[in-house]
PDB file of all heavy atoms in Angstrom:
ATOM      1  N   LYS A   1      52.306 118.506 143.388  1.00  0.00           N
ATOM      2  CA  LYS A   1      53.194 119.589 143.538  1.00  0.00           C
ATOM      3  C   LYS A   1      52.414 120.931 143.584  1.00  0.00           C
ATOM      4  O   LYS A   1      52.869 121.928 143.285  1.00  0.00           O
ATOM      5  CB  LYS A   1      54.274 119.703 142.410  1.00  0.00           C
ATOM      6  CG  LYS A   1      55.106 118.384 142.305  1.00  0.00           C
ATOM      7  CD  LYS A   1      56.117 118.482 141.242  1.00  0.00           C
ATOM      8  CE  LYS A   1      56.990 117.270 141.168  1.00  0.00           C
ATOM      9  NZ  LYS A   1      57.922 117.313 140.020  1.00  0.00           N
ATOM     10  N   GLU A   2      51.157 120.830 144.218  1.00  0.00           N
ATOM     11  CA  GLU A   2      50.430 122.094 144.457  1.00  0.00           C
ATOM     12  C   GLU A   2      50.642 122.530 145.806  1.00  0.00           C
ATOM     13  O   GLU A   2      50.624 121.732 146.767  1.00  0.00           O
ATOM     14  CB  GLU A   2      48.871 121.764 144.264  1.00  0.00           C
ATOM     15  CG  GLU A   2      48.499 121.399 142.822  1.00  0.00           C
ATOM     16  CD  GLU A   2      47.187 120.778 142.734  1.00  0.00           C
ATOM     17  OE1 GLU A   2      46.731 120.206 143.726  1.00  0.00           O
ATOM     18  OE2 GLU A   2      46.544 120.939 141.649  1.00  0.00           O
ATOM     19  N   LEU A   3      50.824 123.815 146.119  1.00  0.00           N
ATOM     20  CA  LEU A   3      50.955 124.302 147.415  1.00  0.00           C
ATOM     21  C   LEU A   3      49.644 124.162 148.245  1.00  0.00           C
ATOM     22  O   LEU A   3      48.667 124.671 147.875  1.00  0.00           O
ATOM     23  CB  LEU A   3      51.372 125.787 147.291  1.00  0.00           C
ATOM     24  CG  LEU A   3      51.738 126.514 148.695  1.00  0.00           C
ATOM     25  CD1 LEU A   3      52.838 125.735 149.501  1.00  0.00           C
ATOM     26  CD2 LEU A   3      52.035 127.945 148.462  1.00  0.00           C
ATOM     27  N   VAL A   4      49.816 123.383 149.439  1.00  0.00           N
ATOM     28  CA  VAL A   4      48.576 123.202 150.162  1.00  0.00           C
ATOM     29  C   VAL A   4      48.653 123.774 151.556  1.00  0.00           C
ATOM     30  O   VAL A   4      47.597 123.983 152.225  1.00  0.00           O
ATOM     31  CB  VAL A   4      48.412 121.675 150.338  1.00  0.00           C
ATOM     32  CG1 VAL A   4      48.073 120.994 149.008  1.00  0.00           C
ATOM     33  CG2 VAL A   4      49.592 121.018 151.132  1.00  0.00           C
ATOM     34  N   PHE A   5      49.743 124.255 152.043  1.00  0.00           N
ATOM     35  CA  PHE A   5      49.825 124.893 153.339  1.00  0.00           C
ATOM     36  C   PHE A   5      51.159 125.725 153.412  1.00  0.00           C
ATOM     37  O   PHE A   5      52.235 125.374 152.842  1.00  0.00           O
ATOM     38  CB  PHE A   5      49.840 123.849 154.456  1.00  0.00           C
ATOM     39  CG  PHE A   5      49.728 124.512 155.789  1.00  0.00           C
ATOM     40  CD1 PHE A   5      48.500 125.074 156.257  1.00  0.00           C
ATOM     41  CD2 PHE A   5      50.753 124.559 156.702  1.00  0.00           C
ATOM     42  CE1 PHE A   5      48.345 125.659 157.543  1.00  0.00           C
ATOM     43  CE2 PHE A   5      50.663 125.015 157.978  1.00  0.00           C
ATOM     44  CZ  PHE A   5      49.427 125.663 158.348  1.00  0.00           C
ATOM     45  N   VAL A   6      51.092 126.869 154.204  1.00  0.00           N
ATOM     46  CA  VAL A   6      52.299 127.712 154.357  1.00  0.00           C
ATOM     47  C   VAL A   6      52.393 128.152 155.829  1.00  0.00           C
ATOM     48  O   VAL A   6      51.373 128.355 156.464  1.00  0.00           O
ATOM     49  CB  VAL A   6      52.191 129.019 153.584  1.00  0.00           C
ATOM     50  CG1 VAL A   6      53.286 129.929 153.819  1.00  0.00           C
ATOM     51  CG2 VAL A   6      52.173 128.702 152.048  1.00  0.00           C
ATOM     52  N   TYR A   7      53.584 128.103 156.395  1.00  0.00           N
ATOM     53  CA  TYR A   7      53.869 128.643 157.651  1.00  0.00           C
ATOM     54  C   TYR A   7      54.980 129.715 157.540  1.00  0.00           C
ATOM     55  O   TYR A   7      56.036 129.391 157.146  1.00  0.00           O
ATOM     56  CB  TYR A   7      54.259 127.509 158.680  1.00  0.00           C
ATOM     57  CG  TYR A   7      54.276 128.035 160.124  1.00  0.00           C
ATOM     58  CD1 TYR A   7      53.136 127.795 160.883  1.00  0.00           C
ATOM     59  CD2 TYR A   7      55.308 128.570 160.684  1.00  0.00           C
ATOM     60  CE1 TYR A   7      53.077 128.256 162.229  1.00  0.00           C
ATOM     61  CE2 TYR A   7      55.313 129.075 162.021  1.00  0.00           C
ATOM     62  CZ  TYR A   7      54.205 128.849 162.712  1.00  0.00           C
ATOM     63  OH  TYR A   7      54.281 129.322 164.082  1.00  0.00           O
ATOM     64  N   GLU A   8      54.654 130.926 157.756  1.00  0.00           N
ATOM     65  CA  GLU A   8      55.562 132.051 157.610  1.00  0.00           C
ATOM     66  C   GLU A   8      56.369 132.407 158.756  1.00  0.00           C
ATOM     67  O   GLU A   8      55.865 132.346 159.911  1.00  0.00           O
ATOM     68  CB  GLU A   8      54.833 133.267 156.971  1.00  0.00           C
ATOM     69  CG  GLU A   8      54.250 132.984 155.623  1.00  0.00           C
ATOM     70  CD  GLU A   8      53.502 134.244 155.075  1.00  0.00           C
ATOM     71  OE1 GLU A   8      54.198 135.328 154.919  1.00  0.00           O
ATOM     72  OE2 GLU A   8      52.228 134.180 154.927  1.00  0.00           O
ATOM     73  N   ASN A   9      57.558 132.919 158.581  1.00  0.00           N
ATOM     74  CA  ASN A   9      58.456 133.488 159.623  1.00  0.00           C
ATOM     75  C   ASN A   9      58.602 132.505 160.802  1.00  0.00           C
ATOM     76  O   ASN A   9      58.457 132.962 161.973  1.00  0.00           O
ATOM     77  CB  ASN A   9      57.963 134.807 160.032  1.00  0.00           C
ATOM     78  CG  ASN A   9      59.042 135.658 160.589  1.00  0.00           C
ATOM     79  OD1 ASN A   9      60.228 135.474 160.280  1.00  0.00           O
ATOM     80  ND2 ASN A   9      58.661 136.550 161.554  1.00  0.00           N
ATOM     81  N   PHE A  10      58.975 131.298 160.484  1.00  0.00           N
ATOM     82  CA  PHE A  10      59.194 130.341 161.573  1.00  0.00           C
ATOM     83  C   PHE A  10      60.612 130.632 162.178  1.00  0.00           C
ATOM     84  O   PHE A  10      61.589 130.562 161.515  1.00  0.00           O
ATOM     85  CB  PHE A  10      59.136 128.883 160.997  1.00  0.00           C
ATOM     86  CG  PHE A  10      59.035 127.712 161.881  1.00  0.00           C
ATOM     87  CD1 PHE A  10      58.482 127.826 163.186  1.00  0.00           C
ATOM     88  CD2 PHE A  10      59.301 126.496 161.500  1.00  0.00           C
ATOM     89  CE1 PHE A  10      58.294 126.759 164.000  1.00  0.00           C
ATOM     90  CE2 PHE A  10      59.271 125.337 162.252  1.00  0.00           C
ATOM     91  CZ  PHE A  10      58.746 125.533 163.526  1.00  0.00           C
ATOM     92  N   SER A  11      60.549 130.877 163.516  1.00  0.00           N
ATOM     93  CA  SER A  11      61.872 131.377 164.059  1.00  0.00           C
ATOM     94  C   SER A  11      62.586 130.366 164.867  1.00  0.00           C
ATOM     95  O   SER A  11      61.934 129.490 165.374  1.00  0.00           O
ATOM     96  CB  SER A  11      61.566 132.635 164.961  1.00  0.00           C
ATOM     97  OG  SER A  11      60.923 132.241 166.148  1.00  0.00           O
ATOM     98  N   PRO A  12      63.864 130.428 165.001  1.00  0.00           N
ATOM     99  CA  PRO A  12      64.684 129.551 165.834  1.00  0.00           C
ATOM    100  C   PRO A  12      64.257 129.455 167.289  1.00  0.00           C
ATOM    101  O   PRO A  12      64.289 128.354 167.905  1.00  0.00           O
ATOM    102  CB  PRO A  12      66.111 129.987 165.709  1.00  0.00           C
ATOM    103  CG  PRO A  12      66.173 130.814 164.385  1.00  0.00           C
ATOM    104  CD  PRO A  12      64.787 131.465 164.290  1.00  0.00           C
ATOM    105  N   GLU A  13      63.696 130.498 167.754  1.00  0.00           N
ATOM    106  CA  GLU A  13      63.226 130.585 169.208  1.00  0.00           C
ATOM    107  C   GLU A  13      62.036 129.706 169.460  1.00  0.00           C
ATOM    108  O   GLU A  13      61.729 129.462 170.589  1.00  0.00           O
ATOM    109  CB  GLU A  13      62.941 132.081 169.560  1.00  0.00           C
ATOM    110  CG  GLU A  13      64.107 132.945 169.645  1.00  0.00           C
ATOM    111  CD  GLU A  13      64.583 133.435 168.193  1.00  0.00           C
ATOM    112  OE1 GLU A  13      63.754 133.544 167.248  1.00  0.00           O
ATOM    113  OE2 GLU A  13      65.806 133.701 167.968  1.00  0.00           O
ATOM    114  N   SER A  14      61.315 129.245 168.396  1.00  0.00           N
ATOM    115  CA  SER A  14      60.151 128.428 168.581  1.00  0.00           C
ATOM    116  C   SER A  14      60.554 126.991 169.032  1.00  0.00           C
ATOM    117  O   SER A  14      59.676 126.255 169.360  1.00  0.00           O
ATOM    118  CB  SER A  14      59.437 128.422 167.219  1.00  0.00           C
ATOM    119  OG  SER A  14      60.182 127.763 166.243  1.00  0.00           O
ATOM    120  N   PHE A  15      61.760 126.594 168.806  1.00  0.00           N
ATOM    121  CA  PHE A  15      62.125 125.161 169.085  1.00  0.00           C
ATOM    122  C   PHE A  15      61.875 124.902 170.674  1.00  0.00           C
ATOM    123  O   PHE A  15      62.125 125.791 171.445  1.00  0.00           O
ATOM    124  CB  PHE A  15      63.688 124.927 168.892  1.00  0.00           C
ATOM    125  CG  PHE A  15      64.167 123.611 169.155  1.00  0.00           C
ATOM    126  CD1 PHE A  15      63.889 122.615 168.346  1.00  0.00           C
ATOM    127  CD2 PHE A  15      64.799 123.367 170.426  1.00  0.00           C
ATOM    128  CE1 PHE A  15      64.346 121.277 168.639  1.00  0.00           C
ATOM    129  CE2 PHE A  15      65.251 122.047 170.702  1.00  0.00           C
ATOM    130  CZ  PHE A  15      64.944 121.111 169.805  1.00  0.00           C
ATOM    131  N   PRO A  16      61.212 123.853 170.874  1.00  0.00           N
ATOM    132  CA  PRO A  16      61.036 122.576 170.205  1.00  0.00           C
ATOM    133  C   PRO A  16      59.735 122.449 169.476  1.00  0.00           C
ATOM    134  O   PRO A  16      59.390 121.369 169.130  1.00  0.00           O
ATOM    135  CB  PRO A  16      61.151 121.479 171.284  1.00  0.00           C
ATOM    136  CG  PRO A  16      60.573 122.166 172.479  1.00  0.00           C
ATOM    137  CD  PRO A  16      60.880 123.693 172.332  1.00  0.00           C
ATOM    138  N   LEU A  17      58.968 123.486 169.240  1.00  0.00           N
ATOM    139  CA  LEU A  17      57.745 123.425 168.541  1.00  0.00           C
ATOM    140  C   LEU A  17      57.919 122.853 167.177  1.00  0.00           C
ATOM    141  O   LEU A  17      58.929 123.283 166.502  1.00  0.00           O
ATOM    142  CB  LEU A  17      57.073 124.906 168.411  1.00  0.00           C
ATOM    143  CG  LEU A  17      55.898 125.020 167.444  1.00  0.00           C
ATOM    144  CD1 LEU A  17      54.679 124.414 168.118  1.00  0.00           C
ATOM    145  CD2 LEU A  17      55.647 126.492 167.185  1.00  0.00           C
ATOM    146  N   ALA A  18      57.135 122.060 166.647  1.00  0.00           N
ATOM    147  CA  ALA A  18      57.126 121.592 165.261  1.00  0.00           C
ATOM    148  C   ALA A  18      55.859 121.929 164.695  1.00  0.00           C
ATOM    149  O   ALA A  18      54.804 122.040 165.279  1.00  0.00           O
ATOM    150  CB  ALA A  18      57.162 120.005 165.247  1.00  0.00           C
ATOM    151  N   VAL A  19      55.974 122.378 163.415  1.00  0.00           N
ATOM    152  CA  VAL A  19      54.718 122.759 162.636  1.00  0.00           C
ATOM    153  C   VAL A  19      54.527 121.713 161.471  1.00  0.00           C
ATOM    154  O   VAL A  19      55.456 121.180 160.973  1.00  0.00           O
ATOM    155  CB  VAL A  19      54.819 124.238 162.058  1.00  0.00           C
ATOM    156  CG1 VAL A  19      54.886 125.235 163.222  1.00  0.00           C
ATOM    157  CG2 VAL A  19      55.968 124.388 161.134  1.00  0.00           C
ATOM    158  N   ASP A  20      53.316 121.623 161.141  1.00  0.00           N
ATOM    159  CA  ASP A  20      52.906 120.716 160.154  1.00  0.00           C
ATOM    160  C   ASP A  20      51.662 121.113 159.346  1.00  0.00           C
ATOM    161  O   ASP A  20      50.909 121.939 159.849  1.00  0.00           O
ATOM    162  CB  ASP A  20      52.521 119.351 160.818  1.00  0.00           C
ATOM    163  CG  ASP A  20      52.483 118.117 159.943  1.00  0.00           C
ATOM    164  OD1 ASP A  20      52.790 118.284 158.732  1.00  0.00           O
ATOM    165  OD2 ASP A  20      52.136 117.007 160.333  1.00  0.00           O
ATOM    166  N   SER A  21      51.535 120.614 158.230  1.00  0.00           N
ATOM    167  CA  SER A  21      50.360 120.955 157.319  1.00  0.00           C
ATOM    168  C   SER A  21      49.280 120.095 157.760  1.00  0.00           C
ATOM    169  O   SER A  21      49.358 118.959 157.949  1.00  0.00           O
ATOM    170  CB  SER A  21      50.768 120.585 155.848  1.00  0.00           C
ATOM    171  OG  SER A  21      49.562 120.794 154.987  1.00  0.00           O
ATOM    172  N   PRO A  22      48.062 120.686 157.796  1.00  0.00           N
ATOM    173  CA  PRO A  22      46.865 119.848 158.057  1.00  0.00           C
ATOM    174  C   PRO A  22      46.413 119.082 156.859  1.00  0.00           C
ATOM    175  O   PRO A  22      45.618 118.121 157.121  1.00  0.00           O
ATOM    176  CB  PRO A  22      45.817 120.907 158.415  1.00  0.00           C
ATOM    177  CG  PRO A  22      46.274 122.094 157.697  1.00  0.00           C
ATOM    178  CD  PRO A  22      47.744 122.140 157.753  1.00  0.00           C
ATOM    179  N   VAL A  23      47.030 119.329 155.731  1.00  0.00           N
ATOM    180  CA  VAL A  23      46.801 118.560 154.490  1.00  0.00           C
ATOM    181  C   VAL A  23      47.944 117.747 154.246  1.00  0.00           C
ATOM    182  O   VAL A  23      49.103 118.230 154.363  1.00  0.00           O
ATOM    183  CB  VAL A  23      46.557 119.605 153.381  1.00  0.00           C
ATOM    184  CG1 VAL A  23      46.179 118.931 152.096  1.00  0.00           C
ATOM    185  CG2 VAL A  23      45.480 120.601 153.685  1.00  0.00           C
ATOM    186  N   PRO A  24      47.741 116.429 153.812  1.00  0.00           N
ATOM    187  CA  PRO A  24      48.956 115.639 153.432  1.00  0.00           C
ATOM    188  C   PRO A  24      49.880 116.235 152.375  1.00  0.00           C
ATOM    189  O   PRO A  24      49.333 116.962 151.587  1.00  0.00           O
ATOM    190  CB  PRO A  24      48.251 114.304 152.928  1.00  0.00           C
ATOM    191  CG  PRO A  24      46.939 114.284 153.580  1.00  0.00           C
ATOM    192  CD  PRO A  24      46.498 115.706 153.644  1.00  0.00           C
ATOM    193  N   SER A  25      51.109 115.973 152.499  1.00  0.00           N
ATOM    194  CA  SER A  25      52.060 116.543 151.604  1.00  0.00           C
ATOM    195  C   SER A  25      53.085 115.519 151.130  1.00  0.00           C
ATOM    196  O   SER A  25      53.318 114.501 151.904  1.00  0.00           O
ATOM    197  CB  SER A  25      52.744 117.800 152.183  1.00  0.00           C
ATOM    198  OG  SER A  25      53.465 117.386 153.370  1.00  0.00           O
ATOM    199  N   LEU A  26      53.848 115.677 150.118  1.00  0.00           N
ATOM    200  CA  LEU A  26      54.888 114.930 149.705  1.00  0.00           C
ATOM    201  C   LEU A  26      56.147 115.643 149.638  1.00  0.00           C
ATOM    202  O   LEU A  26      57.332 115.023 149.740  1.00  0.00           O
ATOM    203  CB  LEU A  26      54.553 114.382 148.277  1.00  0.00           C
ATOM    204  CG  LEU A  26      55.612 113.351 147.695  1.00  0.00           C
ATOM    205  CD1 LEU A  26      55.733 112.142 148.567  1.00  0.00           C
ATOM    206  CD2 LEU A  26      55.124 112.956 146.275  1.00  0.00           C
ATOM    207  N   PHE A  27      56.075 117.034 149.500  1.00  0.00           N
ATOM    208  CA  PHE A  27      57.282 117.895 149.398  1.00  0.00           C
ATOM    209  C   PHE A  27      57.173 118.949 150.444  1.00  0.00           C
ATOM    210  O   PHE A  27      56.077 119.539 150.642  1.00  0.00           O
ATOM    211  CB  PHE A  27      57.421 118.488 148.020  1.00  0.00           C
ATOM    212  CG  PHE A  27      57.355 117.520 146.934  1.00  0.00           C
ATOM    213  CD1 PHE A  27      56.141 117.176 146.256  1.00  0.00           C
ATOM    214  CD2 PHE A  27      58.577 116.798 146.536  1.00  0.00           C
ATOM    215  CE1 PHE A  27      56.060 116.312 145.174  1.00  0.00           C
ATOM    216  CE2 PHE A  27      58.452 115.980 145.457  1.00  0.00           C
ATOM    217  CZ  PHE A  27      57.252 115.707 144.815  1.00  0.00           C
ATOM    218  N   VAL A  28      58.267 119.320 151.091  1.00  0.00           N
ATOM    219  CA  VAL A  28      58.362 120.523 151.955  1.00  0.00           C
ATOM    220  C   VAL A  28      59.466 121.386 151.560  1.00  0.00           C
ATOM    221  O   VAL A  28      60.577 120.878 151.309  1.00  0.00           O
ATOM    222  CB  VAL A  28      58.454 120.065 153.473  1.00  0.00           C
ATOM    223  CG1 VAL A  28      58.585 121.363 154.370  1.00  0.00           C
ATOM    224  CG2 VAL A  28      57.346 119.197 153.847  1.00  0.00           C
ATOM    225  N   LEU A  29      59.217 122.663 151.311  1.00  0.00           N
ATOM    226  CA  LEU A  29      60.233 123.583 150.831  1.00  0.00           C
ATOM    227  C   LEU A  29      60.530 124.705 152.019  1.00  0.00           C
ATOM    228  O   LEU A  29      59.552 125.278 152.479  1.00  0.00           O
ATOM    229  CB  LEU A  29      59.800 124.307 149.551  1.00  0.00           C
ATOM    230  CG  LEU A  29      60.733 125.330 149.043  1.00  0.00           C
ATOM    231  CD1 LEU A  29      62.118 124.783 148.720  1.00  0.00           C
ATOM    232  CD2 LEU A  29      60.038 125.953 147.801  1.00  0.00           C
ATOM    233  N   GLU A  30      61.791 124.815 152.319  1.00  0.00           N
ATOM    234  CA  GLU A  30      62.133 125.832 153.329  1.00  0.00           C
ATOM    235  C   GLU A  30      62.839 126.922 152.496  1.00  0.00           C
ATOM    236  O   GLU A  30      63.764 126.656 151.789  1.00  0.00           O
ATOM    237  CB  GLU A  30      63.021 125.253 154.422  1.00  0.00           C
ATOM    238  CG  GLU A  30      62.385 124.266 155.255  1.00  0.00           C
ATOM    239  CD  GLU A  30      63.253 123.649 156.250  1.00  0.00           C
ATOM    240  OE1 GLU A  30      64.564 123.730 156.189  1.00  0.00           O
ATOM    241  OE2 GLU A  30      62.752 122.999 157.185  1.00  0.00           O
ATOM    242  N   VAL A  31      62.361 128.203 152.693  1.00  0.00           N
ATOM    243  CA  VAL A  31      62.885 129.342 151.980  1.00  0.00           C
ATOM    244  C   VAL A  31      63.187 130.374 153.032  1.00  0.00           C
ATOM    245  O   VAL A  31      62.600 130.364 154.131  1.00  0.00           O
ATOM    246  CB  VAL A  31      62.038 129.829 150.922  1.00  0.00           C
ATOM    247  CG1 VAL A  31      61.848 128.789 149.718  1.00  0.00           C
ATOM    248  CG2 VAL A  31      60.525 130.142 151.415  1.00  0.00           C
ATOM    249  N   PRO A  32      63.904 131.466 152.685  1.00  0.00           N
ATOM    250  CA  PRO A  32      64.135 132.567 153.603  1.00  0.00           C
ATOM    251  C   PRO A  32      62.862 133.209 154.115  1.00  0.00           C
ATOM    252  O   PRO A  32      61.900 133.263 153.254  1.00  0.00           O
ATOM    253  CB  PRO A  32      64.999 133.589 152.868  1.00  0.00           C
ATOM    254  CG  PRO A  32      65.657 132.766 151.821  1.00  0.00           C
ATOM    255  CD  PRO A  32      64.695 131.587 151.394  1.00  0.00           C
ATOM    256  N   ALA A  33      62.734 133.603 155.334  1.00  0.00           N
ATOM    257  CA  ALA A  33      61.568 134.310 155.882  1.00  0.00           C
ATOM    258  C   ALA A  33      61.353 135.546 155.057  1.00  0.00           C
ATOM    259  O   ALA A  33      62.191 136.199 154.644  1.00  0.00           O
ATOM    260  CB  ALA A  33      61.804 134.676 157.348  1.00  0.00           C
ATOM    261  N   GLY A  34      60.010 135.605 154.804  1.00  0.00           N
ATOM    262  CA  GLY A  34      59.638 136.838 153.962  1.00  0.00           C
ATOM    263  C   GLY A  34      59.424 136.492 152.552  1.00  0.00           C
ATOM    264  O   GLY A  34      58.731 137.198 151.707  1.00  0.00           O
ATOM    265  N   PHE A  35      59.929 135.295 152.017  1.00  0.00           N
ATOM    266  CA  PHE A  35      59.803 134.944 150.673  1.00  0.00           C
ATOM    267  C   PHE A  35      58.276 134.889 150.283  1.00  0.00           C
ATOM    268  O   PHE A  35      57.979 135.391 149.172  1.00  0.00           O
ATOM    269  CB  PHE A  35      60.446 133.582 150.561  1.00  0.00           C
ATOM    270  CG  PHE A  35      60.444 132.987 149.116  1.00  0.00           C
ATOM    271  CD1 PHE A  35      61.366 133.311 148.150  1.00  0.00           C
ATOM    272  CD2 PHE A  35      59.319 132.173 148.663  1.00  0.00           C
ATOM    273  CE1 PHE A  35      61.330 132.764 146.883  1.00  0.00           C
ATOM    274  CE2 PHE A  35      59.273 131.706 147.453  1.00  0.00           C
ATOM    275  CZ  PHE A  35      60.289 131.973 146.472  1.00  0.00           C
TER     276      PHE A  35
END
């Protein structure tokens, strides 16, 4: 449960781009942009 990667301000206009952590993860948290 340690934060290993962050992608900030991911916008709807980016679709169909997908972003991913270069480090393996078990949990992904989506929060409002700017958080």
